[in-house]
Structures are given as C-alpha cells and as structure tokens.
Amino acid sequence: MTAYTATVTVRLKRGVLDPEAETTKRALERLGFELGALRSADRFEIDLDAESARDAEDRADEMAERLLANPTIHDYDVEVSERE
C-alpha cells in the first residue's frame, strides 16, 4: 500500500446561485478590484492508503459522489498525489 493525498474541490455548477461568492465579489469590487465572475469552492484533503493512484482517485471520487458533493448542483474535481 502507498500513502496518497486526494484533494477534492467542490463548487456549485454554473447557473446555480452562489450568494457567498456574490457577496465577496461585490466587496472586492468596492475595494477597487475588477473581475468578471467569482465562484466559491470547498476543498477537502483526504489522506488514504491505496494500491495505486488510480485506486485512490476512485475511492475519493466515490466519497465525492456519496457525500462531499451533490451531483445535482455541484461539480467537483479530484486530484491525487503520493504522500511523502
């Protein structure tokens, strides 16, 4: 078994209201920053042991599908790296 860290980034799909991002965007604009859009996201770092990076990615993907994200309103990305 090898030690991996899976990073799961969960964000609302485009078109789904994101009040946190809208509030932050307005505050940034009041501070003088120009931006076209802003989206908020949650990031989960999961340390796990797996036979391969692919196995670690599959397990993290299942975690995202079953609990971390609601596929109806969220998109998510999974990145896996070997832990030292």
PDB file of N, CA and C in Angstrom:
ATOM      1  N   MET A   1       0.841  -1.189   0.000  1.00  0.00           N
ATOM      2  CA  MET A   1       0.000   0.000   0.000  1.00  0.00           C
ATOM      3  C   MET A   1       0.881   1.246   0.000  1.00  0.00           C
ATOM      4  N   THR A   2       0.412   2.251  -0.686  1.00  0.00           N
ATOM      5  CA  THR A   2       1.122   3.520  -0.777  1.00  0.00           C
ATOM      6  C   THR A   2       0.237   4.607  -0.176  1.00  0.00           C
ATOM      7  N   ALA A   3       0.874   5.597   0.451  1.00  0.00           N
ATOM      8  CA  ALA A   3       0.133   6.711   1.056  1.00  0.00           C
ATOM      9  C   ALA A   3      -0.112   7.790   0.002  1.00  0.00           C
ATOM     10  N   TYR A   4      -1.358   8.218  -0.115  1.00  0.00           N
ATOM     11  CA  TYR A   4      -1.756   9.248  -1.068  1.00  0.00           C
ATOM     12  C   TYR A   4      -2.547  10.334  -0.357  1.00  0.00           C
ATOM     13  N   THR A   5      -2.569  11.507  -0.965  1.00  0.00           N
ATOM     14  CA  THR A   5      -3.481  12.573  -0.568  1.00  0.00           C
ATOM     15  C   THR A   5      -4.352  12.872  -1.769  1.00  0.00           C
ATOM     16  N   ALA A   6      -5.661  12.751  -1.553  1.00  0.00           N
ATOM     17  CA  ALA A   6      -6.632  13.087  -2.595  1.00  0.00           C
ATOM     18  C   ALA A   6      -7.225  14.446  -2.235  1.00  0.00           C
ATOM     19  N   THR A   7      -7.195  15.361  -3.179  1.00  0.00           N
ATOM     20  CA  THR A   7      -7.797  16.672  -2.979  1.00  0.00           C
ATOM     21  C   THR A   7      -9.064  16.746  -3.818  1.00  0.00           C
ATOM     22  N   VAL A   8     -10.184  16.956  -3.131  1.00  0.00           N
ATOM     23  CA  VAL A   8     -11.483  17.052  -3.800  1.00  0.00           C
ATOM     24  C   VAL A   8     -11.944  18.501  -3.689  1.00  0.00           C
ATOM     25  N   THR A   9     -12.134  19.146  -4.824  1.00  0.00           N
ATOM     26  CA  THR A   9     -12.622  20.523  -4.865  1.00  0.00           C
ATOM     27  C   THR A   9     -14.059  20.504  -5.350  1.00  0.00           C
ATOM     28  N   VAL A  10     -14.962  21.022  -4.520  1.00  0.00           N
ATOM     29  CA  VAL A  10     -16.396  21.016  -4.813  1.00  0.00           C
ATOM     30  C   VAL A  10     -16.858  22.452  -5.009  1.00  0.00           C
ATOM     31  N   ARG A  11     -17.548  22.700  -6.131  1.00  0.00           N
ATOM     32  CA  ARG A  11     -18.076  24.047  -6.392  1.00  0.00           C
ATOM     33  C   ARG A  11     -19.470  23.924  -6.993  1.00  0.00           C
ATOM     34  N   LEU A  12     -20.240  24.977  -6.839  1.00  0.00           N
ATOM     35  CA  LEU A  12     -21.569  24.984  -7.436  1.00  0.00           C
ATOM     36  C   LEU A  12     -21.456  25.026  -8.959  1.00  0.00           C
ATOM     37  N   LYS A  13     -22.369  24.362  -9.636  1.00  0.00           N
ATOM     38  CA  LYS A  13     -22.387  24.394 -11.098  1.00  0.00           C
ATOM     39  C   LYS A  13     -22.717  25.810 -11.557  1.00  0.00           C
ATOM     40  N   ARG A  14     -22.254  26.135 -12.750  1.00  0.00           N
ATOM     41  CA  ARG A  14     -22.592  27.436 -13.328  1.00  0.00           C
ATOM     42  C   ARG A  14     -24.105  27.536 -13.442  1.00  0.00           C
ATOM     43  N   GLY A  15     -24.625  28.705 -13.097  1.00  0.00           N
ATOM     44  CA  GLY A  15     -26.058  28.917 -13.156  1.00  0.00           C
ATOM     45  C   GLY A  15     -26.758  28.701 -11.821  1.00  0.00           C
ATOM     46  N   VAL A  16     -26.100  28.015 -10.873  1.00  0.00           N
ATOM     47  CA  VAL A  16     -26.675  27.835  -9.540  1.00  0.00           C
ATOM     48  C   VAL A  16     -26.284  29.048  -8.707  1.00  0.00           C
ATOM     49  N   LEU A  17     -27.246  29.635  -8.020  1.00  0.00           N
ATOM     50  CA  LEU A  17     -26.971  30.820  -7.212  1.00  0.00           C
ATOM     51  C   LEU A  17     -25.899  30.533  -6.167  1.00  0.00           C
ATOM     52  N   ASP A  18     -24.951  31.456  -6.051  1.00  0.00           N
ATOM     53  CA  ASP A  18     -23.828  31.334  -5.111  1.00  0.00           C
ATOM     54  C   ASP A  18     -23.759  32.630  -4.300  1.00  0.00           C
ATOM     55  N   PRO A  19     -24.609  32.769  -3.268  1.00  0.00           N
ATOM     56  CA  PRO A  19     -24.662  34.027  -2.526  1.00  0.00           C
ATOM     57  C   PRO A  19     -23.347  34.405  -1.854  1.00  0.00           C
ATOM     58  N   GLU A  20     -22.598  33.421  -1.384  1.00  0.00           N
ATOM     59  CA  GLU A  20     -21.303  33.719  -0.759  1.00  0.00           C
ATOM     60  C   GLU A  20     -20.354  34.371  -1.758  1.00  0.00           C
ATOM     61  N   ALA A  21     -20.288  33.829  -2.958  1.00  0.00           N
ATOM     62  CA  ALA A  21     -19.411  34.386  -3.988  1.00  0.00           C
ATOM     63  C   ALA A  21     -19.886  35.767  -4.422  1.00  0.00           C
ATOM     64  N   GLU A  22     -21.192  35.957  -4.542  1.00  0.00           N
ATOM     65  CA  GLU A  22     -21.717  37.263  -4.955  1.00  0.00           C
ATOM     66  C   GLU A  22     -21.380  38.345  -3.926  1.00  0.00           C
ATOM     67  N   THR A  23     -21.531  38.025  -2.650  1.00  0.00           N
ATOM     68  CA  THR A  23     -21.201  38.982  -1.589  1.00  0.00           C
ATOM     69  C   THR A  23     -19.713  39.324  -1.619  1.00  0.00           C
ATOM     70  N   THR A  24     -18.876  38.308  -1.787  1.00  0.00           N
ATOM     71  CA  THR A  24     -17.427  38.522  -1.839  1.00  0.00           C
ATOM     72  C   THR A  24     -17.041  39.315  -3.072  1.00  0.00           C
ATOM     73  N   LYS A  25     -17.672  39.016  -4.207  1.00  0.00           N
ATOM     74  CA  LYS A  25     -17.391  39.740  -5.456  1.00  0.00           C
ATOM     75  C   LYS A  25     -17.701  41.224  -5.292  1.00  0.00           C
ATOM     76  N   ARG A  26     -18.859  41.537  -4.714  1.00  0.00           N
ATOM     77  CA  ARG A  26     -19.212  42.947  -4.503  1.00  0.00           C
ATOM     78  C   ARG A  26     -18.209  43.632  -3.580  1.00  0.00           C
ATOM     79  N   ALA A  27     -17.765  42.947  -2.532  1.00  0.00           N
ATOM     80  CA  ALA A  27     -16.789  43.527  -1.608  1.00  0.00           C
ATOM     81  C   ALA A  27     -15.455  43.779  -2.310  1.00  0.00           C
ATOM     82  N   LEU A  28     -15.021  42.853  -3.143  1.00  0.00           N
ATOM     83  CA  LEU A  28     -13.778  43.044  -3.895  1.00  0.00           C
ATOM     84  C   LEU A  28     -13.897  44.224  -4.849  1.00  0.00           C
ATOM     85  N   GLU A  29     -15.052  44.360  -5.497  1.00  0.00           N
ATOM     86  CA  GLU A  29     -15.251  45.482  -6.416  1.00  0.00           C
ATOM     87  C   GLU A  29     -15.245  46.812  -5.659  1.00  0.00           C
ATOM     88  N   ARG A  30     -15.807  46.839  -4.451  1.00  0.00           N
ATOM     89  CA  ARG A  30     -15.764  48.063  -3.643  1.00  0.00           C
ATOM     90  C   ARG A  30     -14.329  48.417  -3.247  1.00  0.00           C
ATOM     91  N   LEU A  31     -13.473  47.412  -3.167  1.00  0.00           N
ATOM     92  CA  LEU A  31     -12.060  47.647  -2.856  1.00  0.00           C
ATOM     93  C   LEU A  31     -11.251  48.033  -4.092  1.00  0.00           C
ATOM     94  N   GLY A  32     -11.912  48.101  -5.242  1.00  0.00           N
ATOM     95  CA  GLY A  32     -11.240  48.542  -6.457  1.00  0.00           C
ATOM     96  C   GLY A  32     -10.764  47.436  -7.377  1.00  0.00           C
ATOM     97  N   PHE A  33     -11.075  46.188  -7.061  1.00  0.00           N
ATOM     98  CA  PHE A  33     -10.670  45.080  -7.926  1.00  0.00           C
ATOM     99  C   PHE A  33     -11.712  44.880  -9.011  1.00  0.00           C
ATOM    100  N   GLU A  34     -11.244  44.710 -10.244  1.00  0.00           N
ATOM    101  CA  GLU A  34     -12.145  44.423 -11.352  1.00  0.00           C
ATOM    102  C   GLU A  34     -12.098  42.927 -11.630  1.00  0.00           C
ATOM    103  N   LEU A  35     -13.276  42.318 -11.676  1.00  0.00           N
ATOM    104  CA  LEU A  35     -13.328  40.903 -12.001  1.00  0.00           C
ATOM    105  C   LEU A  35     -14.622  40.593 -12.714  1.00  0.00           C
ATOM    106  N   GLY A  36     -14.577  39.595 -13.562  1.00  0.00           N
ATOM    107  CA  GLY A  36     -15.755  39.227 -14.323  1.00  0.00           C
ATOM    108  C   GLY A  36     -16.710  38.362 -13.528  1.00  0.00           C
ATOM    109  N   ALA A  37     -16.175  37.406 -12.804  1.00  0.00           N
ATOM    110  CA  ALA A  37     -17.013  36.491 -12.037  1.00  0.00           C
ATOM    111  C   ALA A  37     -16.192  35.918 -10.898  1.00  0.00           C
ATOM    112  N   LEU A  38     -16.886  35.394  -9.922  1.00  0.00           N
ATOM    113  CA  LEU A  38     -16.240  34.760  -8.777  1.00  0.00           C
ATOM    114  C   LEU A  38     -17.114  33.596  -8.348  1.00  0.00           C
ATOM    115  N   ARG A  39     -16.501  32.458  -8.072  1.00  0.00           N
ATOM    116  CA  ARG A  39     -17.231  31.283  -7.573  1.00  0.00           C
ATOM    117  C   ARG A  39     -16.545  30.800  -6.314  1.00  0.00           C
ATOM    118  N   SER A  40     -17.334  30.401  -5.343  1.00  0.00           N
ATOM    119  CA  SER A  40     -16.763  29.837  -4.124  1.00  0.00           C
ATOM    120  C   SER A  40     -16.606  28.328  -4.300  1.00  0.00           C
ATOM    121  N   ALA A  41     -15.730  27.734  -3.488  1.00  0.00           N
ATOM    122  CA  ALA A  41     -15.498  26.293  -3.563  1.00  0.00           C
ATOM    123  C   ALA A  41     -15.092  25.781  -2.191  1.00  0.00           C
ATOM    124  N   ASP A  42     -15.357  24.516  -1.964  1.00  0.00           N
ATOM    125  CA  ASP A  42     -14.872  23.816  -0.774  1.00  0.00           C
ATOM    126  C   ASP A  42     -13.791  22.854  -1.222  1.00  0.00           C
ATOM    127  N   ARG A  43     -12.765  22.727  -0.396  1.00  0.00           N
ATOM    128  CA  ARG A  43     -11.661  21.825  -0.730  1.00  0.00           C
ATOM    129  C   ARG A  43     -11.462  20.849   0.413  1.00  0.00           C
ATOM    130  N   PHE A  44     -11.434  19.576   0.085  1.00  0.00           N
ATOM    131  CA  PHE A  44     -11.235  18.516   1.062  1.00  0.00           C
ATOM    132  C   PHE A  44      -9.929  17.805   0.730  1.00  0.00           C
ATOM    133  N   GLU A  45      -9.064  17.629   1.723  1.00  0.00           N
ATOM    134  CA  GLU A  45      -7.825  16.872   1.547  1.00  0.00           C
ATOM    135  C   GLU A  45      -7.957  15.585   2.333  1.00  0.00           C
ATOM    136  N   ILE A  46      -7.869  14.471   1.638  1.00  0.00           N
ATOM    137  CA  ILE A  46      -8.103  13.159   2.228  1.00  0.00           C
ATOM    138  C   ILE A  46      -6.815  12.346   2.143  1.00  0.00           C
ATOM    139  N   ASP A  47      -6.275  11.966   3.282  1.00  0.00           N
ATOM    140  CA  ASP A  47      -5.100  11.091   3.318  1.00  0.00           C
ATOM    141  C   ASP A  47      -5.599   9.649   3.371  1.00  0.00           C
ATOM    142  N   LEU A  48      -5.106   8.823   2.447  1.00  0.00           N
ATOM    143  CA  LEU A  48      -5.524   7.436   2.419  1.00  0.00           C
ATOM    144  C   LEU A  48      -4.422   6.556   1.855  1.00  0.00           C
ATOM    145  N   ASP A  49      -4.499   5.274   2.182  1.00  0.00           N
ATOM    146  CA  ASP A  49      -3.584   4.288   1.635  1.00  0.00           C
ATOM    147  C   ASP A  49      -4.315   3.521   0.546  1.00  0.00           C
ATOM    148  N   ALA A  50      -3.632   3.277  -0.566  1.00  0.00           N
ATOM    149  CA  ALA A  50      -4.256   2.576  -1.682  1.00  0.00           C
ATOM    150  C   ALA A  50      -3.190   1.816  -2.461  1.00  0.00           C
ATOM    151  N   GLU A  51      -3.646   0.870  -3.260  1.00  0.00           N
ATOM    152  CA  GLU A  51      -2.738   0.065  -4.083  1.00  0.00           C
ATOM    153  C   GLU A  51      -2.098   0.884  -5.201  1.00  0.00           C
ATOM    154  N   SER A  52      -2.828   1.899  -5.701  1.00  0.00           N
ATOM    155  CA  SER A  52      -2.324   2.712  -6.805  1.00  0.00           C
ATOM    156  C   SER A  52      -2.972   4.085  -6.737  1.00  0.00           C
ATOM    157  N   ALA A  53      -2.435   5.022  -7.500  1.00  0.00           N
ATOM    158  CA  ALA A  53      -3.022   6.355  -7.571  1.00  0.00           C
ATOM    159  C   ALA A  53      -4.431   6.272  -8.154  1.00  0.00           C
ATOM    160  N   ARG A  54      -4.632   5.403  -9.109  1.00  0.00           N
ATOM    161  CA  ARG A  54      -5.959   5.229  -9.718  1.00  0.00           C
ATOM    162  C   ARG A  54      -6.969   4.740  -8.681  1.00  0.00           C
ATOM    163  N   ASP A  55      -6.546   3.787  -7.816  1.00  0.00           N
ATOM    164  CA  ASP A  55      -7.421   3.281  -6.765  1.00  0.00           C
ATOM    165  C   ASP A  55      -7.755   4.399  -5.772  1.00  0.00           C
ATOM    166  N   ALA A  56      -6.771   5.204  -5.415  1.00  0.00           N
ATOM    167  CA  ALA A  56      -7.007   6.333  -4.509  1.00  0.00           C
ATOM    168  C   ALA A  56      -7.985   7.326  -5.142  1.00  0.00           C
ATOM    169  N   GLU A  57      -7.808   7.591  -6.426  1.00  0.00           N
ATOM    170  CA  GLU A  57      -8.708   8.513  -7.130  1.00  0.00           C
ATOM    171  C   GLU A  57     -10.130   7.956  -7.178  1.00  0.00           C
ATOM    172  N   ASP A  58     -10.258   6.662  -7.449  1.00  0.00           N
ATOM    173  CA  ASP A  58     -11.587   6.045  -7.494  1.00  0.00           C
ATOM    174  C   ASP A  58     -12.282   6.135  -6.138  1.00  0.00           C
ATOM    175  N   ARG A  59     -11.542   5.904  -5.058  1.00  0.00           N
ATOM    176  CA  ARG A  59     -12.129   5.977  -3.723  1.00  0.00           C
ATOM    177  C   ARG A  59     -12.549   7.401  -3.389  1.00  0.00           C
ATOM    178  N   ALA A  60     -11.710   8.378  -3.717  1.00  0.00           N
ATOM    179  CA  ALA A  60     -12.048   9.783  -3.457  1.00  0.00           C
ATOM    180  C   ALA A  60     -13.249  10.207  -4.307  1.00  0.00           C
ATOM    181  N   ASP A  61     -13.312   9.717  -5.536  1.00  0.00           N
ATOM    182  CA  ASP A  61     -14.446  10.014  -6.408  1.00  0.00           C
ATOM    183  C   ASP A  61     -15.739   9.458  -5.803  1.00  0.00           C
ATOM    184  N   GLU A  62     -15.674   8.263  -5.268  1.00  0.00           N
ATOM    185  CA  GLU A  62     -16.857   7.676  -4.628  1.00  0.00           C
ATOM    186  C   GLU A  62     -17.275   8.499  -3.407  1.00  0.00           C
ATOM    187  N   MET A  63     -16.295   8.961  -2.621  1.00  0.00           N
ATOM    188  CA  MET A  63     -16.607   9.807  -1.468  1.00  0.00           C
ATOM    189  C   MET A  63     -17.317  11.081  -1.907  1.00  0.00           C
ATOM    190  N   ALA A  64     -16.830  11.673  -2.995  1.00  0.00           N
ATOM    191  CA  ALA A  64     -17.451  12.897  -3.507  1.00  0.00           C
ATOM    192  C   ALA A  64     -18.871  12.621  -3.976  1.00  0.00           C
ATOM    193  N   GLU A  65     -19.065  11.543  -4.702  1.00  0.00           N
ATOM    194  CA  GLU A  65     -20.396  11.198  -5.221  1.00  0.00           C
ATOM    195  C   GLU A  65     -21.383  10.905  -4.098  1.00  0.00           C
ATOM    196  N   ARG A  66     -20.901  10.244  -3.043  1.00  0.00           N
ATOM    197  CA  ARG A  66     -21.817   9.786  -1.990  1.00  0.00           C
ATOM    198  C   ARG A  66     -22.051  10.794  -0.875  1.00  0.00           C
ATOM    199  N   LEU A  67     -21.090  11.728  -0.663  1.00  0.00           N
ATOM    200  CA  LEU A  67     -21.259  12.634   0.462  1.00  0.00           C
ATOM    201  C   LEU A  67     -20.772  14.058   0.226  1.00  0.00           C
ATOM    202  N   LEU A  68     -19.586  14.225  -0.332  1.00  0.00           N
ATOM    203  CA  LEU A  68     -18.970  15.549  -0.383  1.00  0.00           C
ATOM    204  C   LEU A  68     -19.649  16.505  -1.351  1.00  0.00           C
ATOM    205  N   ALA A  69     -20.245  15.974  -2.405  1.00  0.00           N
ATOM    206  CA  ALA A  69     -20.891  16.816  -3.417  1.00  0.00           C
ATOM    207  C   ALA A  69     -22.290  16.293  -3.704  1.00  0.00           C
ATOM    208  N   ASN A  70     -23.153  17.205  -4.070  1.00  0.00           N
ATOM    209  CA  ASN A  70     -24.484  16.838  -4.555  1.00  0.00           C
ATOM    210  C   ASN A  70     -24.423  16.986  -6.073  1.00  0.00           C
ATOM    211  N   PRO A  71     -24.363  15.873  -6.806  1.00  0.00           N
ATOM    212  CA  PRO A  71     -24.170  15.950  -8.263  1.00  0.00           C
ATOM    213  C   PRO A  71     -25.221  16.783  -8.994  1.00  0.00           C
ATOM    214  N   THR A  72     -26.364  17.019  -8.372  1.00  0.00           N
ATOM    215  CA  THR A  72     -27.405  17.832  -8.996  1.00  0.00           C
ATOM    216  C   THR A  72     -26.986  19.290  -9.096  1.00  0.00           C
ATOM    217  N   ILE A  73     -26.285  19.797  -8.070  1.00  0.00           N
ATOM    218  CA  ILE A  73     -25.933  21.220  -8.051  1.00  0.00           C
ATOM    219  C   ILE A  73     -24.432  21.490  -8.018  1.00  0.00           C
ATOM    220  N   HIS A  74     -23.616  20.443  -7.807  1.00  0.00           N
ATOM    221  CA  HIS A  74     -22.172  20.643  -7.685  1.00  0.00           C
ATOM    222  C   HIS A  74     -21.396  19.976  -8.818  1.00  0.00           C
ATOM    223  N   ASP A  75     -20.283  20.595  -9.169  1.00  0.00           N
ATOM    224  CA  ASP A  75     -19.217  19.966  -9.948  1.00  0.00           C
ATOM    225  C   ASP A  75     -18.091  19.708  -8.975  1.00  0.00           C
ATOM    226  N   TYR A  76     -17.260  18.727  -9.270  1.00  0.00           N
ATOM    227  CA  TYR A  76     -16.100  18.502  -8.412  1.00  0.00           C
ATOM    228  C   TYR A  76     -14.943  17.949  -9.231  1.00  0.00           C
ATOM    229  N   ASP A  77     -13.748  18.182  -8.707  1.00  0.00           N
ATOM    230  CA  ASP A  77     -12.521  17.675  -9.308  1.00  0.00           C
ATOM    231  C   ASP A  77     -11.784  16.877  -8.242  1.00  0.00           C
ATOM    232  N   VAL A  78     -11.110  15.827  -8.663  1.00  0.00           N
ATOM    233  CA  VAL A  78     -10.294  15.021  -7.756  1.00  0.00           C
ATOM    234  C   VAL A  78      -8.870  15.025  -8.280  1.00  0.00           C
ATOM    235  N   GLU A  79      -7.921  15.359  -7.423  1.00  0.00           N
ATOM    236  CA  GLU A  79      -6.501  15.290  -7.755  1.00  0.00           C
ATOM    237  C   GLU A  79      -5.830  14.417  -6.702  1.00  0.00           C
ATOM    238  N   VAL A  80      -4.944  13.533  -7.139  1.00  0.00           N
ATOM    239  CA  VAL A  80      -4.269  12.613  -6.225  1.00  0.00           C
ATOM    240  C   VAL A  80      -2.772  12.791  -6.350  1.00  0.00           C
ATOM    241  N   SER A  81      -2.109  12.843  -5.201  1.00  0.00           N
ATOM    242  CA  SER A  81      -0.644  12.881  -5.205  1.00  0.00           C
ATOM    243  C   SER A  81      -0.127  11.916  -4.153  1.00  0.00           C
ATOM    244  N   GLU A  82       1.053  11.384  -4.413  1.00  0.00           N
ATOM    245  CA  GLU A  82       1.663  10.462  -3.466  1.00  0.00           C
ATOM    246  C   GLU A  82       2.198  11.262  -2.288  1.00  0.00           C
ATOM    247  N   ARG A  83       1.912  10.776  -1.085  1.00  0.00           N
ATOM    248  CA  ARG A  83       2.371  11.451   0.123  1.00  0.00           C
ATOM    249  C   ARG A  83       3.780  10.982   0.456  1.00  0.00           C
ATOM    250  N   GLU A  84       4.586  11.889   0.920  1.00  0.00           N
ATOM    251  CA  GLU A  84       5.973  11.528   1.268  1.00  0.00           C
ATOM    252  C   GLU A  84       6.065  11.051   2.686  1.00  0.00           C
TER     253      GLU A  84
END
